Protein backbone atom coordinates (compact mmCIF):
# COMPACT_ATOMS: atom_id res chain seq x y z
CA UNK A 1 0.04 0.18 -0.14
CA UNK A 2 1.33 3.18 -0.59
CA UNK A 3 -0.20 5.80 1.91
CA UNK A 4 0.21 9.97 1.94
CA UNK A 5 0.78 11.04 5.50
CA UNK A 6 0.44 15.07 6.18
CA UNK A 7 1.35 17.24 8.81
CA UNK A 8 -0.69 20.63 8.23
CA UNK A 9 0.01 24.08 9.85
CA UNK A 10 -1.58 27.08 9.23
CA UNK A 11 0.46 28.39 6.28
CA UNK A 12 2.47 24.83 5.85
CA UNK A 13 2.33 21.33 4.99
CA UNK A 14 4.37 18.71 5.38
CA UNK A 15 3.50 15.16 3.09
CA UNK A 16 5.46 12.30 3.30
CA UNK A 17 4.14 9.41 0.68
CA UNK A 18 5.23 6.02 2.38
CA UNK A 19 4.59 2.14 2.20
CA UNK A 20 4.07 1.21 5.94
CA UNK A 21 4.36 -3.04 4.62
CA UNK A 22 8.38 -2.27 3.96
CA UNK A 23 8.96 0.87 5.69
CA UNK A 24 9.99 2.69 2.09
CA UNK A 25 9.66 6.18 1.58
CA UNK A 26 8.97 7.17 -2.09
CA UNK A 27 9.24 10.78 -1.55
CA UNK A 28 8.65 13.58 1.01
CA UNK A 29 8.49 17.28 0.76
CA UNK A 30 7.20 20.63 2.71
CA UNK A 31 4.61 23.08 1.43
CA UNK A 32 5.47 26.48 2.48
CA UNK A 33 3.97 29.89 2.75
CA UNK A 34 0.22 28.92 1.88
CA UNK A 35 -1.53 31.75 1.21
CA UNK A 36 1.39 34.24 0.96
CA UNK A 37 3.74 33.29 -2.18
CA UNK A 38 3.96 29.70 -1.50
CA UNK A 39 6.95 27.86 -1.87
CA UNK A 40 7.40 23.88 -2.58
CA UNK A 41 10.27 21.69 -1.84
CA UNK A 42 9.79 17.80 -3.23
CA UNK A 43 12.48 15.41 -2.54
CA UNK A 44 12.49 11.53 -4.34
CA UNK A 45 15.23 9.05 -4.44
CA UNK A 46 16.66 9.10 -8.10
CA UNK A 47 14.54 12.17 -8.91
CA UNK A 48 15.26 15.98 -9.14
CA UNK A 49 14.95 17.66 -5.99
CA UNK A 50 12.63 20.85 -6.24
CA UNK A 51 14.15 23.30 -3.38
CA UNK A 52 11.66 25.84 -2.32
CA UNK A 53 10.18 26.66 -6.04
CA UNK A 54 7.71 29.05 -6.52
CA UNK A 55 4.15 27.59 -6.57
CA UNK A 56 0.92 29.56 -6.29
CA UNK A 57 -1.27 28.29 -3.17
CA UNK A 58 -3.77 30.62 -2.19
CA UNK A 59 -5.21 27.61 0.30
CA UNK A 60 -4.08 24.54 1.46
CA UNK A 61 -6.27 22.80 -1.72
CA UNK A 62 -3.42 24.19 -4.51
CA UNK A 63 -0.72 22.94 -2.13
CA UNK A 64 -2.03 19.58 -2.07
CA UNK A 65 -2.76 19.94 -5.70
CA UNK A 66 0.97 20.38 -6.00
CA UNK A 67 1.76 17.52 -3.83
CA UNK A 68 -0.11 15.42 -5.65
CA UNK A 69 1.28 17.08 -9.11
CA UNK A 70 4.62 15.91 -8.25
CA UNK A 71 3.86 13.00 -7.22
CA UNK A 72 2.41 11.71 -10.53
CA UNK A 73 4.50 14.03 -12.42
CA UNK A 74 6.37 12.26 -15.83
CA UNK A 75 9.64 12.68 -15.30
CA UNK A 76 9.93 13.42 -11.68
CA UNK A 77 7.14 11.36 -10.33
CA UNK A 78 7.16 8.15 -8.49
CA UNK A 79 3.77 6.53 -9.01
CA UNK A 80 1.54 6.26 -12.18
CA UNK A 81 -1.56 8.17 -11.03
CA UNK A 82 -3.60 8.85 -8.22
CA UNK A 83 -5.25 5.84 -8.27
CA UNK A 84 -1.73 4.54 -6.35
CA UNK A 85 -2.72 6.18 -3.47
CA UNK A 86 -4.29 3.92 -0.87
CA UNK A 87 -5.45 6.13 2.09
CA UNK A 88 -4.41 9.26 3.39
CA UNK A 89 -3.06 9.93 7.00
CA UNK A 90 -3.58 13.01 9.03
CA UNK A 91 -1.56 14.22 11.81
CA UNK A 92 -3.75 15.57 13.85
CA UNK A 93 -2.68 17.05 17.13
CA UNK A 94 -5.71 17.25 19.85
CA UNK A 95 -8.60 14.32 20.16
CA UNK A 96 -9.22 15.53 23.37
CA UNK A 97 -11.06 12.60 25.69
CA UNK A 98 -12.81 11.44 22.80
CA UNK A 99 -10.41 9.51 20.93
CA UNK A 100 -7.72 7.17 22.44
CA UNK A 101 -6.98 5.34 19.07
CA UNK A 102 -6.28 6.55 15.76
CA UNK A 103 -9.97 6.89 13.57
CA UNK A 104 -11.54 6.71 9.76
CA UNK A 105 -12.54 10.47 9.31
CA UNK A 106 -16.33 10.53 8.91
CA UNK A 107 -18.25 13.43 9.35
CA UNK A 108 -18.92 12.70 12.96
CA UNK A 109 -15.39 12.36 13.41
CA UNK A 110 -15.04 15.93 11.66
CA UNK A 111 -17.38 17.31 14.32
CA UNK A 112 -15.64 15.65 17.08
CA UNK A 113 -12.26 17.69 16.05
CA UNK A 114 -14.04 20.81 15.64
CA UNK A 115 -15.44 20.60 19.24
CA UNK A 116 -11.81 20.00 20.27
CA UNK A 117 -10.65 23.22 18.91
CA UNK A 118 -10.64 25.24 22.06
CA UNK A 119 -8.34 22.86 23.42
CA UNK A 120 -5.78 23.70 20.55
CA UNK A 121 -6.45 26.75 18.90
CA UNK A 122 -3.45 27.23 17.01
CA UNK A 123 -3.49 23.30 15.88
CA UNK A 124 -6.45 21.83 15.32
CA UNK A 125 -7.81 24.12 12.97
CA UNK A 126 -4.81 23.72 10.44
CA UNK A 127 -5.11 20.02 10.63
CA UNK A 128 -9.10 20.06 10.02
CA UNK A 129 -8.26 22.49 6.93
CA UNK A 130 -5.96 19.96 5.49
CA UNK A 131 -8.10 17.12 6.03
CA UNK A 132 -10.74 19.37 4.23
CA UNK A 133 -8.55 20.27 1.41
CA UNK A 134 -7.57 16.29 0.85
CA UNK A 135 -10.98 15.97 0.27
CA UNK A 136 -11.62 18.88 -1.95
CA UNK A 137 -8.86 17.36 -4.29
CA UNK A 138 -9.29 13.46 -3.74
CA UNK A 139 -12.47 12.90 -3.42
CA UNK A 140 -14.57 10.83 -0.72
CA UNK A 141 -13.65 7.66 -2.31
CA UNK A 142 -10.05 7.81 -0.48
CA UNK A 143 -10.07 6.59 3.08
CA UNK A 144 -8.63 8.98 5.30
CA UNK A 145 -7.24 8.64 8.75
CA UNK A 146 -7.05 10.86 11.86
CA UNK A 147 -4.10 9.98 13.73
CA UNK A 148 -3.89 11.70 17.05
CA UNK A 149 -0.88 13.24 19.42
CA UNK A 150 -2.99 12.81 22.47
CA UNK A 151 -4.65 9.56 21.51
CA UNK A 152 -1.56 7.05 23.28
CA UNK A 153 -2.06 9.20 26.44
CA UNK A 154 -5.45 8.37 27.40
CA UNK A 155 -4.63 4.96 28.95
CA UNK A 156 -3.34 7.21 31.85
CA UNK A 157 -5.08 6.69 35.14
CA UNK A 158 -7.28 9.71 36.67
CA UNK A 159 -4.46 9.81 39.47
CA UNK A 160 -1.79 11.23 36.63
CA UNK A 161 -4.11 13.32 34.00
CA UNK A 162 -6.21 15.35 36.87
CA UNK A 163 -5.06 18.38 38.13
CA UNK A 164 -5.67 20.04 42.19
CA UNK A 165 -8.44 22.33 40.94
CA UNK A 166 -12.20 22.58 41.69
CA UNK A 167 -13.47 19.33 40.26
CA UNK A 168 -15.76 21.06 37.94
CA UNK A 169 -13.20 22.54 35.97
CA UNK A 170 -12.56 18.97 34.70
CA UNK A 171 -16.34 17.99 34.31
CA UNK A 172 -17.33 21.21 32.44
CA UNK A 173 -14.04 22.20 30.84
CA UNK A 174 -12.39 19.39 30.29
CA UNK A 175 -9.02 20.63 32.13
CA UNK A 176 -6.65 17.49 32.55
CA UNK A 177 -3.36 16.34 31.47
CA UNK A 178 -3.63 15.14 28.09
CA UNK A 179 0.14 14.88 26.85
CA UNK A 180 1.11 15.28 23.44
CA UNK A 181 4.37 13.66 21.22
CA UNK A 182 2.03 10.37 21.36
CA UNK A 183 2.70 8.88 18.11
CA UNK A 184 6.64 9.06 18.52
CA UNK A 185 6.59 7.52 22.16
CA UNK A 186 4.45 4.74 20.57
CA UNK A 187 6.62 4.10 17.58
CA UNK A 188 9.83 3.92 19.88
CA UNK A 189 8.25 1.67 22.59
CA UNK A 190 7.34 -0.99 19.59
CA UNK A 191 10.55 -0.36 18.46
CA UNK A 192 12.17 -1.20 22.19
CA UNK A 193 10.14 -4.29 22.97
CA UNK A 194 11.47 -5.50 19.22
CA UNK A 195 14.88 -4.68 20.36
CA UNK A 196 14.75 -6.37 23.95
CA UNK A 197 13.09 -9.62 22.34
CA UNK A 198 10.02 -9.33 24.40
CA UNK A 199 6.08 -8.53 24.62
CA UNK A 200 5.38 -4.70 24.86
CA UNK A 201 3.35 -6.23 27.46
CA UNK A 202 5.72 -7.51 29.90
CA UNK A 203 8.03 -4.08 29.28
CA UNK A 204 8.33 -1.26 31.37
CA UNK A 205 9.74 1.60 29.69
CA UNK A 206 10.24 5.73 30.03
CA UNK A 207 10.63 6.89 26.64
CA UNK A 208 12.59 10.49 26.02
CA UNK A 209 11.23 12.61 23.34
CA UNK A 210 14.19 15.49 23.46
CA UNK A 211 14.21 18.11 20.92
CA UNK A 212 12.84 21.53 20.75
CA UNK A 213 9.89 20.14 22.32
CA UNK A 214 10.63 17.57 24.99
CA UNK A 215 8.46 14.88 26.82
CA UNK A 216 8.97 12.12 28.70
CA UNK A 217 6.45 9.08 28.97
CA UNK A 218 5.76 6.44 31.54
CA UNK A 219 5.08 3.15 29.50
CA UNK A 220 4.23 0.58 31.54
CA UNK A 221 2.60 -2.91 29.34
CA UNK A 222 2.71 -0.86 26.43
CA UNK A 223 0.14 1.98 27.66
CA UNK A 224 1.15 5.24 28.81
CA UNK A 225 0.81 5.77 32.56
CA UNK A 226 1.86 9.44 33.22
CA UNK A 227 3.88 12.16 30.57
CA UNK A 228 5.10 15.13 31.19
CA UNK A 229 3.56 17.31 29.02
CA UNK A 230 -0.08 18.52 29.96
CA UNK A 231 -3.37 20.14 29.15
CA UNK A 232 -0.74 22.21 27.02
CA UNK A 233 2.70 21.48 25.23
CA UNK A 234 3.73 23.84 27.48
CA UNK A 235 4.24 22.02 30.45
CA UNK A 236 6.72 19.89 31.63
CA UNK A 237 11.03 20.28 30.80
CA UNK A 238 12.35 23.53 29.58
CA UNK A 239 12.23 23.42 25.92
CA UNK A 240 13.61 25.31 23.15
CA UNK A 241 11.75 28.38 23.66
CA UNK A 242 8.93 27.15 26.58
CA UNK A 243 9.46 27.32 30.14
CA UNK A 244 7.91 24.32 30.94
CA UNK A 245 6.55 23.57 34.40
CA UNK A 246 6.75 26.98 37.14
CA UNK A 247 5.21 27.87 39.72
CA UNK A 248 1.72 30.06 38.64
CA UNK A 249 2.38 32.42 41.13
CA UNK A 250 5.01 33.97 38.87
CA UNK A 251 2.44 34.73 36.40
CA UNK A 252 0.72 37.26 38.17
CA UNK A 253 4.28 39.03 39.70
CA UNK A 254 5.57 38.85 36.82
CA UNK A 255 2.45 40.15 34.68
CA UNK A 256 1.89 43.16 37.38
CA UNK A 257 5.37 44.23 37.38
CA UNK A 258 5.90 44.36 33.85
CA UNK A 259 2.32 45.42 33.14
CA UNK A 260 1.69 42.13 30.52
CA UNK A 261 -1.85 40.72 29.89
CA UNK A 262 -2.16 36.78 29.86
CA UNK A 263 -1.53 36.99 26.03
CA UNK A 264 1.83 38.59 26.42
CA UNK A 265 2.75 36.24 29.21
CA UNK A 266 1.78 33.25 27.06
CA UNK A 267 3.76 34.51 24.30
CA UNK A 268 6.70 34.94 26.62
CA UNK A 269 6.65 31.07 28.05
CA UNK A 270 6.07 29.69 24.62
CA UNK A 271 8.30 31.68 22.71
CA UNK A 272 10.58 33.86 25.05
CA UNK A 273 11.75 31.04 27.71
CA UNK A 274 13.26 27.52 27.63
CA UNK A 275 16.80 27.29 27.14
CA UNK A 276 16.99 30.12 25.09
CA UNK A 277 15.45 32.71 27.45
CA UNK A 278 17.87 31.23 29.92
CA UNK A 279 20.80 31.03 27.84
CA UNK A 280 20.26 34.53 25.96
CA UNK A 281 21.78 32.88 23.23
CA UNK A 282 19.65 30.12 20.87
CA UNK A 283 17.05 27.61 21.28
CA UNK A 284 19.21 25.06 19.47
CA UNK A 285 21.16 22.78 21.80
CA UNK A 286 24.13 22.87 19.33
CA UNK A 287 24.13 26.48 19.42
CA UNK A 288 24.48 26.27 23.29
CA UNK A 289 27.08 23.45 23.22
CA UNK A 290 29.38 25.68 21.16
CA UNK A 291 28.76 28.82 23.32
CA UNK A 292 29.50 27.28 26.56
CA UNK A 293 32.67 25.98 25.27
CA UNK A 294 33.64 29.36 24.20
CA UNK A 295 33.04 30.18 27.89
CA UNK A 296 29.46 31.47 28.20
CA UNK A 297 28.07 30.06 31.47
CA UNK A 298 24.28 30.88 30.88
CA UNK A 299 24.54 28.54 27.72
CA UNK A 300 25.85 25.75 30.17
CA UNK A 301 23.43 26.54 32.55
CA UNK A 302 20.77 25.93 30.63
CA UNK A 303 21.24 22.67 29.59
CA UNK A 304 22.55 21.64 32.86
CA UNK A 305 18.48 22.70 34.04
CA UNK A 306 17.28 20.50 30.80
CA UNK A 307 19.35 17.59 31.42
CA UNK A 308 18.09 17.28 35.54
CA UNK A 309 14.87 17.95 34.53
CA UNK A 310 15.02 15.15 31.94
CA UNK A 311 16.95 12.86 34.96
CA UNK A 312 14.51 13.61 37.54
CA UNK A 313 10.92 12.51 35.74
CA UNK A 314 13.37 9.58 34.57
CA UNK A 315 13.82 8.94 38.56
CA UNK A 316 10.02 9.73 39.17
CA UNK A 317 8.39 7.36 36.45
CA UNK A 318 10.51 4.56 37.68
CA UNK A 319 8.87 4.98 40.98
CA UNK A 320 5.30 5.81 39.63
CA UNK A 321 5.59 2.01 37.65
CA UNK A 322 8.02 0.16 39.88
CA UNK A 323 11.10 -0.43 38.50
CA UNK A 324 11.79 -0.05 34.84
CA UNK A 325 13.24 -2.13 31.85
CA UNK A 326 14.82 0.38 29.56
CA UNK A 327 15.21 3.85 28.78
CA UNK A 328 14.87 5.85 25.60
CA UNK A 329 16.22 8.26 24.13
CA UNK A 330 14.86 10.09 20.70
CA UNK A 331 13.97 13.03 18.40
CA UNK A 332 16.36 15.68 17.81
CA UNK A 333 18.33 16.02 20.97
CA UNK A 334 18.23 12.30 22.20
CA UNK A 335 19.02 10.83 18.85
CA UNK A 336 21.98 12.88 18.18
CA UNK A 337 23.43 14.38 21.38
CA UNK A 338 26.00 11.79 23.29
CA UNK A 339 26.92 14.29 25.66
CA UNK A 340 23.32 14.91 26.67
CA UNK A 341 22.75 11.63 27.17
CA UNK A 342 25.59 10.68 29.20
CA UNK A 343 24.55 13.59 31.18
CA UNK A 344 21.10 11.97 31.94
CA UNK A 345 22.02 8.67 32.41
CA UNK A 346 24.66 8.93 34.39
CA UNK A 347 24.19 8.79 37.75
CA UNK A 348 21.52 6.74 37.81
CA UNK A 349 23.63 3.49 38.97
CA UNK A 350 21.35 3.32 42.01
CA UNK A 351 18.62 2.25 39.76
CA UNK A 352 20.47 0.13 37.41
CA UNK A 353 21.93 1.79 35.21
CA UNK A 354 25.27 1.74 33.29
CA UNK A 355 26.22 3.44 30.61
CA UNK A 356 28.81 2.37 28.15
CA UNK A 357 30.56 5.68 26.72
CA UNK A 358 31.65 4.18 23.74
CA UNK A 359 28.59 2.58 22.68
CA UNK A 360 26.93 5.72 23.37
CA UNK A 361 29.04 7.61 21.02
CA UNK A 362 26.74 7.38 18.09
CA UNK A 363 24.40 9.77 16.60
CA UNK A 364 20.79 8.71 14.92
CA UNK A 365 21.20 5.27 14.84
CA UNK A 366 18.89 2.27 16.47
CA UNK A 367 21.54 0.84 19.22
CA UNK A 368 22.13 -0.33 22.45
CA UNK A 369 24.16 2.43 24.00
CA UNK A 370 24.12 1.13 27.95
CA UNK A 371 26.84 -1.18 28.92
CA UNK A 372 26.58 -4.74 28.31
CA UNK A 373 26.17 -5.54 32.37
CA UNK A 374 23.63 -2.98 32.86
CA UNK A 375 20.30 -3.90 34.68
CA UNK A 376 18.48 -1.40 33.03
CA UNK A 377 19.21 -1.06 28.78
CA UNK A 378 19.62 2.23 27.56
CA UNK A 379 18.40 2.33 24.03
CA UNK A 380 18.76 5.31 21.28
CA UNK A 381 15.92 4.75 18.70
CA UNK A 382 15.37 7.24 16.06
CA UNK A 383 11.63 8.09 15.96
CA UNK A 384 9.12 8.00 13.02
CA UNK A 385 6.06 9.48 13.72
CA UNK A 386 5.10 9.88 9.87
CA UNK A 387 5.79 5.50 9.61
CA UNK A 388 3.61 5.22 12.31
CA UNK A 389 1.08 7.22 11.11
CA UNK A 390 0.80 5.59 7.92
CA UNK A 391 0.89 1.97 9.76
CA UNK A 392 -1.83 3.36 11.49
CA UNK A 393 -3.74 4.29 8.34
CA UNK A 394 -3.12 1.14 6.10
CA UNK A 395 -4.48 -0.65 9.26
CA UNK A 396 -7.84 0.79 9.33
CA UNK A 397 -8.13 1.71 5.42
CA UNK A 398 -8.16 -2.35 5.10
CA UNK A 399 -10.83 -2.36 7.52
C-alpha cells in the first residue's frame, strides 16, 4: 500500500508518501507560505529535487494539488496516478477525550475535531483544513485517517491526568493532562520491545522524546501511564523556547511588575523562555554547546537545567511504575547528543543503569548504548512518526 501522510499547519504542509508494509519512503517534502507566495519542496530517491520553488498556493487545496502533481509527474514522479495512493493519514494534534486511537475520518469525526478546537486553537483548525483540502482534491473515495498526538496517553489513570483544581473545571471544561508526542512515544516503545525481544506487555519503559519540544513518558505494559506535557505542550521540561513547569504565582507577579496581559505572558512562556530564555543565546542545543565551550556560563546552565529535568522525570517514572526495564532516547537531541544522553543517564547507577561511553558515541542509529551488564537497558531509537501514522492508516483503510 502507498500511504500519503499529511501534517498541516496554518500556512505550511509537510508530506510523505510511504509504503508502511516495507517501510520504504517514496517521496517527501514541504509546502510553505500557503496563502502568501507559496514555496514547494519535493525530494525523491533518484529524482530531481525541487527546493523551495515558487508555486501558487492561495489555500491548502492548491498545496495538496501541488503535492499530487509532483508525485505523478512523468519525469520526477514516483507513482503512475493518484489511484496508487491507497489512503491519507493526517497528524492531528488534539483528540481530547473523544479519541484513544486513530480513526477513519467521517462527518462525525470532523465534528468531534471541531469540538476539540478550544483545546488546541493553533493546531486543530490547521489539521482540519488539511483534511478538507484532501477531500476537495482527492474526493471522498480515498480513505482518510486521523492519527492523534494525544491518543496514546488516553490510557493514563485519573491520578496521573487530573489537576488539583476544582473538579468542575474537569467536568465542565475538560481541564486535565492530555500529553503530546504520543505517536513518537508509541513508535519507539514498539521498536524497544522488538530490540529487547519481549512483548510490550511485559515491559516497563521510559521514553525520552528530546528536542526543541520535549516530553518524557512512562509506558507500562505498552500503555502510557504518565507523561510530562500537560493540558498544553507548555508543561513539563524546559524546552527550546517553552518554560516548562513553573510556579503559577510567577505569572501574576511578572504580569503586575512588567505590565503584561495574559496573552503577552503566554507569548513569553511559549516563545521567549526555555533554554533560549535562560541562555540568551539560542533555542538550538548545538548552539548552546558551542557557546559553553567559548565560555558562556548561561548556555551551560540552560543545558544543565534541561538534563537535570529529564533525569528527575526518569527517577519519578521508575518509581511510579515500580521499576524500569529500558530507557529510550529519541528525537533531535535524544538521537544526536551523546554528551546530553550521558549527562542524563549518568548517576542513575543506583537504579541499575550503567552507560557505555563508547557505545553511546553514536548519532541517529537504532542501538543499545548502555553497558552489557547494565540491569536497565538504555536505547537510542530514531523516531519515525510518519511511519507510525502510515501503519495506523493502512490498518484502518484495510478495515
